Amino acid sequence: MILLFIAFILFFILFFLSFKKIEPFENKNAIFVLSGNARSFIDCIDSCYEHIITKLFQYTNTNITILLYLKLNDPKHPGFDSFNDINRNAINNKINELKKYGIHIESIILDDNEIKDMDILSQVKDRSKYIDFFDKDENLIRALQCHYNFEACGKKIIEYQKKNNIIFDTCVYVRPDLFFTKDCESIDKYSSTKVTLCMGSSNYAYDDHAAIIPNKYFDNFFFKRMNTYRNNTTTNYKYAEDVYLKTIDYEKKMFGNFEIKRD
């Protein structure tokens, strides 16, 4: 009888601790940020909605918002055709389809980059600190435009939070041209104290395709990269990923399964 009582107490303790473990993930608000060149967005967004947006917070009481920051003009990727014939109306029609699911969507659709290439390059304080792959201005500019996208999204998120008197507990960044074929895990399986850099498969380990960003890393993720370019005079950077990783504490973990859809 005593052993049975002890077993019951141990079960109760373990049961209680299991709930305490996931408590930090019981977010009230989360935002999915799809930022970048529109490319194959129309072909990919349904897979993102099915495998990521509806799955990540499915066991929590979380209000979901989606921010789309899409650019129609697209630098051609080597070996692939250009996506410059993307139709704005088709994208708007797709967004209206998504709104039927009841999720609030904020959308910014640009014809091209918000800031001209030479203007953004001029923001780099010390050009000599960007070497190797960054020796070519075009490579550095490409990284700058990507990281400027994050900054623009961060400003939009802050504006939205103030307007609606809310705070997003979690931001989830996803490239708009990722095609998902497998569900992600629920949010309690990802870190609440680090940025999760999301991997699509065991041999597909690029760092900047998707990320889960706890609120404590909001500024680091969305603003500190451009601040690095504007202020750095001491550290050498060779690749965009070097700057991307410098500002955050992170883990790497599988995020369903995905690939970039380029055609």
Protein backbone atom coordinates (compact mmCIF):
# COMPACT_ATOMS: atom_id res chain seq x y z
CA MET A 1 0.00 0.00 0.00
CA ILE A 2 2.85 2.37 0.87
CA LEU A 3 4.61 1.55 -2.41
CA LEU A 4 1.40 2.28 -4.30
CA PHE A 5 1.11 5.63 -2.52
CA ILE A 6 4.72 6.51 -3.34
CA ALA A 7 4.18 5.53 -6.98
CA PHE A 8 1.12 7.79 -7.11
CA ILE A 9 3.07 10.74 -5.67
CA LEU A 10 5.93 10.22 -8.15
CA PHE A 11 3.45 10.07 -11.02
CA PHE A 12 1.82 13.32 -9.85
CA ILE A 13 5.20 15.08 -9.62
CA LEU A 14 6.25 13.95 -13.10
CA PHE A 15 2.87 14.95 -14.48
CA PHE A 16 3.18 18.42 -12.91
CA LEU A 17 6.75 18.90 -14.17
CA SER A 18 5.74 17.97 -17.70
CA PHE A 19 3.32 20.89 -17.72
CA LYS A 20 5.84 23.23 -16.13
CA LYS A 21 8.27 22.35 -18.91
CA ILE A 22 6.08 23.68 -21.69
CA GLU A 23 4.74 26.70 -19.78
CA PRO A 24 7.12 29.21 -21.44
CA PHE A 25 5.75 28.21 -24.86
CA GLU A 26 2.11 29.02 -24.05
CA ASN A 27 2.36 32.17 -26.11
CA LYS A 28 -0.49 34.56 -26.62
CA ASN A 29 0.73 36.05 -29.90
CA ALA A 30 3.02 34.89 -32.67
CA ILE A 31 3.86 36.26 -36.09
CA PHE A 32 5.11 34.44 -39.17
CA VAL A 33 7.34 36.66 -41.29
CA LEU A 34 7.75 35.63 -44.94
CA SER A 35 10.35 38.03 -46.26
CA GLY A 36 12.27 38.20 -49.51
CA ASN A 37 11.85 37.91 -53.25
CA ALA A 38 8.41 36.62 -54.22
CA ARG A 39 9.81 34.05 -56.67
CA SER A 40 7.73 30.88 -56.19
CA PHE A 41 5.69 32.22 -53.25
CA ILE A 42 2.38 31.34 -54.91
CA ASP A 43 3.49 27.71 -55.37
CA CYS A 44 4.96 27.42 -51.85
CA ILE A 45 2.65 29.23 -49.44
CA ASP A 46 0.04 26.45 -49.22
CA SER A 47 2.73 23.98 -48.14
CA CYS A 48 3.99 26.46 -45.53
CA TYR A 49 0.47 26.96 -44.22
CA GLU A 50 -0.25 23.22 -44.08
CA HIS A 51 3.02 21.99 -42.56
CA ILE A 52 4.25 24.99 -40.53
CA ILE A 53 1.73 27.74 -39.78
CA THR A 54 -1.05 25.37 -38.68
CA LYS A 55 1.27 22.97 -36.86
CA LEU A 56 3.84 24.94 -34.86
CA PHE A 57 1.40 26.37 -32.29
CA GLN A 58 -1.41 23.83 -32.63
CA TYR A 59 -1.31 22.79 -28.96
CA THR A 60 -1.26 26.32 -27.57
CA ASN A 61 -3.72 29.15 -27.28
CA THR A 62 -1.88 31.45 -29.66
CA ASN A 63 -3.14 34.23 -31.91
CA ILE A 64 -1.40 34.02 -35.27
CA THR A 65 -0.51 36.91 -37.58
CA ILE A 66 1.30 36.67 -40.91
CA LEU A 67 3.53 39.42 -42.29
CA LEU A 68 4.39 39.19 -45.98
CA TYR A 69 7.24 41.36 -47.23
CA LEU A 70 7.63 40.41 -50.88
CA LYS A 71 9.62 41.90 -53.75
CA LEU A 72 8.49 41.24 -57.31
CA ASN A 73 11.78 42.00 -59.04
CA ASP A 74 14.29 39.23 -58.51
CA PRO A 75 18.01 38.89 -59.24
CA LYS A 76 18.46 35.80 -61.37
CA HIS A 77 19.94 32.84 -59.50
CA PRO A 78 22.80 31.18 -61.45
CA GLY A 79 21.48 28.30 -63.53
CA PHE A 80 17.80 29.23 -63.19
CA ASP A 81 15.39 31.40 -65.14
CA SER A 82 14.40 34.82 -63.85
CA PHE A 83 11.19 35.28 -61.83
CA ASN A 84 10.69 38.85 -63.01
CA ASP A 85 7.32 38.05 -64.65
CA ILE A 86 5.59 37.57 -61.28
CA ASN A 87 2.07 38.98 -61.34
CA ARG A 88 1.07 41.29 -58.47
CA ASN A 89 -2.62 40.50 -58.95
CA ALA A 90 -1.95 36.77 -58.71
CA ILE A 91 -0.14 37.29 -55.41
CA ASN A 92 -2.99 39.43 -54.06
CA ASN A 93 -5.49 36.75 -55.09
CA LYS A 94 -3.44 34.15 -53.22
CA ILE A 95 -3.34 36.34 -50.11
CA ASN A 96 -7.11 36.72 -50.25
CA GLU A 97 -7.42 32.92 -50.37
CA LEU A 98 -5.33 32.63 -47.22
CA LYS A 99 -7.43 35.23 -45.41
CA LYS A 100 -10.40 32.87 -45.74
CA TYR A 101 -8.75 30.71 -43.06
CA GLY A 102 -9.32 33.52 -40.57
CA ILE A 103 -5.68 34.48 -40.00
CA HIS A 104 -4.82 38.17 -40.04
CA ILE A 105 -2.33 38.99 -42.81
CA GLU A 106 -0.30 42.16 -43.21
CA SER A 107 1.22 42.39 -46.68
CA ILE A 108 3.83 44.63 -48.26
CA ILE A 109 4.43 43.95 -51.95
CA LEU A 110 7.22 45.95 -53.55
CA ASP A 111 8.23 46.21 -57.20
CA ASP A 112 11.91 46.21 -56.22
CA ASN A 113 14.27 46.83 -53.32
CA GLU A 114 13.24 49.70 -51.04
CA ILE A 115 16.75 51.13 -51.17
CA LYS A 116 19.08 51.35 -54.19
CA ASP A 117 22.15 49.14 -54.26
CA MET A 118 24.72 51.93 -54.12
CA ASP A 119 22.81 53.68 -51.35
CA ILE A 120 22.77 50.59 -49.17
CA LEU A 121 26.43 49.88 -49.91
CA SER A 122 27.27 53.38 -48.74
CA GLN A 123 25.94 52.49 -45.29
CA VAL A 124 28.86 50.09 -44.72
CA LYS A 125 31.21 51.93 -42.39
CA ASP A 126 34.42 50.10 -43.30
CA ARG A 127 34.32 48.30 -46.67
CA SER A 128 37.74 46.72 -46.05
CA LYS A 129 36.29 44.48 -43.32
CA TYR A 130 34.26 42.47 -45.84
CA ILE A 131 36.59 40.05 -47.60
CA ASP A 132 36.84 36.84 -49.68
CA PHE A 133 33.30 36.20 -51.01
CA PHE A 134 32.46 39.76 -50.00
CA ASP A 135 35.30 41.15 -52.11
CA LYS A 136 32.77 41.61 -54.91
CA ASP A 137 30.36 44.47 -54.28
CA GLU A 138 27.50 42.51 -55.82
CA ASN A 139 27.84 39.76 -53.18
CA LEU A 140 27.96 42.21 -50.31
CA ILE A 141 25.02 44.16 -51.73
CA ARG A 142 22.96 40.98 -51.95
CA ALA A 143 23.61 40.30 -48.26
CA LEU A 144 22.84 43.90 -47.36
CA GLN A 145 19.52 43.84 -49.17
CA CYS A 146 18.55 40.59 -47.41
CA HIS A 147 19.43 41.97 -43.99
CA TYR A 148 17.72 45.25 -44.78
CA ASN A 149 14.57 43.19 -45.41
CA PHE A 150 14.79 41.98 -41.81
CA GLU A 151 15.14 45.54 -40.55
CA ALA A 152 12.12 46.68 -42.57
CA CYS A 153 10.07 43.78 -41.20
CA GLY A 154 11.19 44.55 -37.66
CA LYS A 155 9.98 48.13 -38.01
CA LYS A 156 6.65 46.93 -39.40
CA ILE A 157 6.25 44.49 -36.49
CA ILE A 158 6.94 47.22 -33.92
CA GLU A 159 4.40 49.48 -35.65
CA TYR A 160 1.81 46.68 -35.64
CA GLN A 161 2.41 45.90 -31.96
CA LYS A 162 1.97 49.53 -30.94
CA LYS A 163 -1.14 49.94 -33.05
CA ASN A 164 -2.77 46.81 -31.60
CA ASN A 165 -1.31 47.06 -28.07
CA ILE A 166 0.21 43.57 -28.19
CA ILE A 167 3.60 41.91 -27.98
CA PHE A 168 4.60 38.96 -30.13
CA ASP A 169 6.05 36.28 -27.88
CA THR A 170 7.55 34.53 -30.90
CA CYS A 171 8.45 35.54 -34.45
CA VAL A 172 8.95 32.87 -37.09
CA TYR A 173 10.94 33.83 -40.18
CA VAL A 174 10.49 31.77 -43.35
CA ARG A 175 11.81 32.38 -46.84
CA PRO A 176 8.80 32.74 -49.16
CA ASP A 177 10.23 30.29 -51.72
CA LEU A 178 10.48 27.28 -49.38
CA PHE A 179 8.34 24.28 -50.31
CA PHE A 180 7.50 22.09 -47.30
CA THR A 181 6.72 18.37 -47.49
CA LYS A 182 6.61 17.43 -43.79
CA ASP A 183 5.11 18.89 -40.61
CA CYS A 184 7.30 20.71 -38.14
CA GLU A 185 7.22 19.73 -34.47
CA SER A 186 5.15 21.66 -31.95
CA ILE A 187 6.66 24.81 -30.45
CA ASP A 188 7.54 23.16 -27.12
CA LYS A 189 10.16 21.06 -28.94
CA TYR A 190 12.14 24.19 -29.87
CA SER A 191 14.19 26.41 -27.59
CA SER A 192 12.54 29.29 -25.76
CA THR A 193 15.93 30.80 -24.83
CA LYS A 194 17.75 30.64 -28.17
CA VAL A 195 16.97 31.33 -31.81
CA THR A 196 16.26 28.08 -33.62
CA LEU A 197 17.89 27.97 -37.06
CA CYS A 198 15.63 25.66 -39.00
CA MET A 199 16.95 22.83 -41.14
CA GLY A 200 14.97 21.18 -43.91
CA SER A 201 16.85 17.91 -44.06
CA SER A 202 19.98 16.42 -42.59
CA ASN A 203 22.04 17.45 -45.64
CA TYR A 204 20.37 20.82 -46.12
CA ALA A 205 21.86 22.90 -43.36
CA TYR A 206 21.88 26.49 -44.58
CA ASP A 207 21.44 28.82 -41.64
CA ASP A 208 19.29 31.61 -43.06
CA HIS A 209 16.26 29.90 -44.60
CA ALA A 210 13.96 29.85 -41.58
CA ALA A 211 14.18 30.67 -37.89
CA ILE A 212 12.11 30.66 -34.70
CA ILE A 213 12.88 33.83 -32.75
CA PRO A 214 11.88 34.19 -29.07
CA ASN A 215 10.96 37.74 -28.11
CA LYS A 216 14.25 38.31 -26.24
CA TYR A 217 16.12 38.06 -29.56
CA PHE A 218 13.78 40.31 -31.54
CA ASP A 219 16.21 43.25 -31.79
CA ASN A 220 19.21 41.02 -32.43
CA PHE A 221 17.52 39.21 -35.27
CA PHE A 222 15.78 42.07 -37.04
CA PHE A 223 18.06 45.06 -36.38
CA LYS A 224 21.58 44.20 -35.26
CA ARG A 225 22.76 42.88 -38.62
CA MET A 226 22.32 46.19 -40.39
CA ASN A 227 23.75 47.87 -37.30
CA THR A 228 26.82 45.67 -37.72
CA TYR A 229 27.43 46.91 -41.26
CA ARG A 230 26.90 50.50 -40.16
CA ASN A 231 29.23 50.36 -37.16
CA ASN A 232 31.79 47.58 -37.58
CA THR A 233 35.44 48.65 -37.84
CA THR A 234 37.17 45.70 -36.17
CA THR A 235 35.84 42.33 -37.38
CA ASN A 236 36.36 40.72 -40.78
CA TYR A 237 33.37 39.02 -42.39
CA LYS A 238 33.59 36.67 -45.37
CA TYR A 239 29.97 35.60 -45.93
CA ALA A 240 26.42 36.76 -45.23
CA GLU A 241 26.03 33.83 -42.82
CA ASP A 242 28.90 35.21 -40.71
CA VAL A 243 26.97 38.41 -40.07
CA TYR A 244 23.68 36.51 -39.72
CA LEU A 245 25.04 34.28 -36.94
CA LYS A 246 27.10 36.90 -35.12
CA THR A 247 24.12 38.64 -33.52
CA ILE A 248 22.30 35.63 -32.01
CA ASP A 249 22.66 32.68 -29.68
CA TYR A 250 21.20 29.73 -31.54
CA GLU A 251 20.46 26.06 -31.91
CA LYS A 252 19.98 24.14 -35.16
CA LYS A 253 17.04 21.81 -35.49
CA MET A 254 14.89 20.11 -38.11
CA PHE A 255 11.82 22.12 -39.14
CA GLY A 256 9.69 19.65 -41.02
CA ASN A 257 11.27 19.13 -44.41
CA PHE A 258 11.72 21.74 -47.13
CA GLU A 259 13.59 22.75 -50.23
CA ILE A 260 13.91 25.97 -52.20
CA LYS A 261 11.57 25.97 -55.17
CA ARG A 262 13.29 27.79 -58.00
CA ASP A 263 11.15 26.76 -60.97
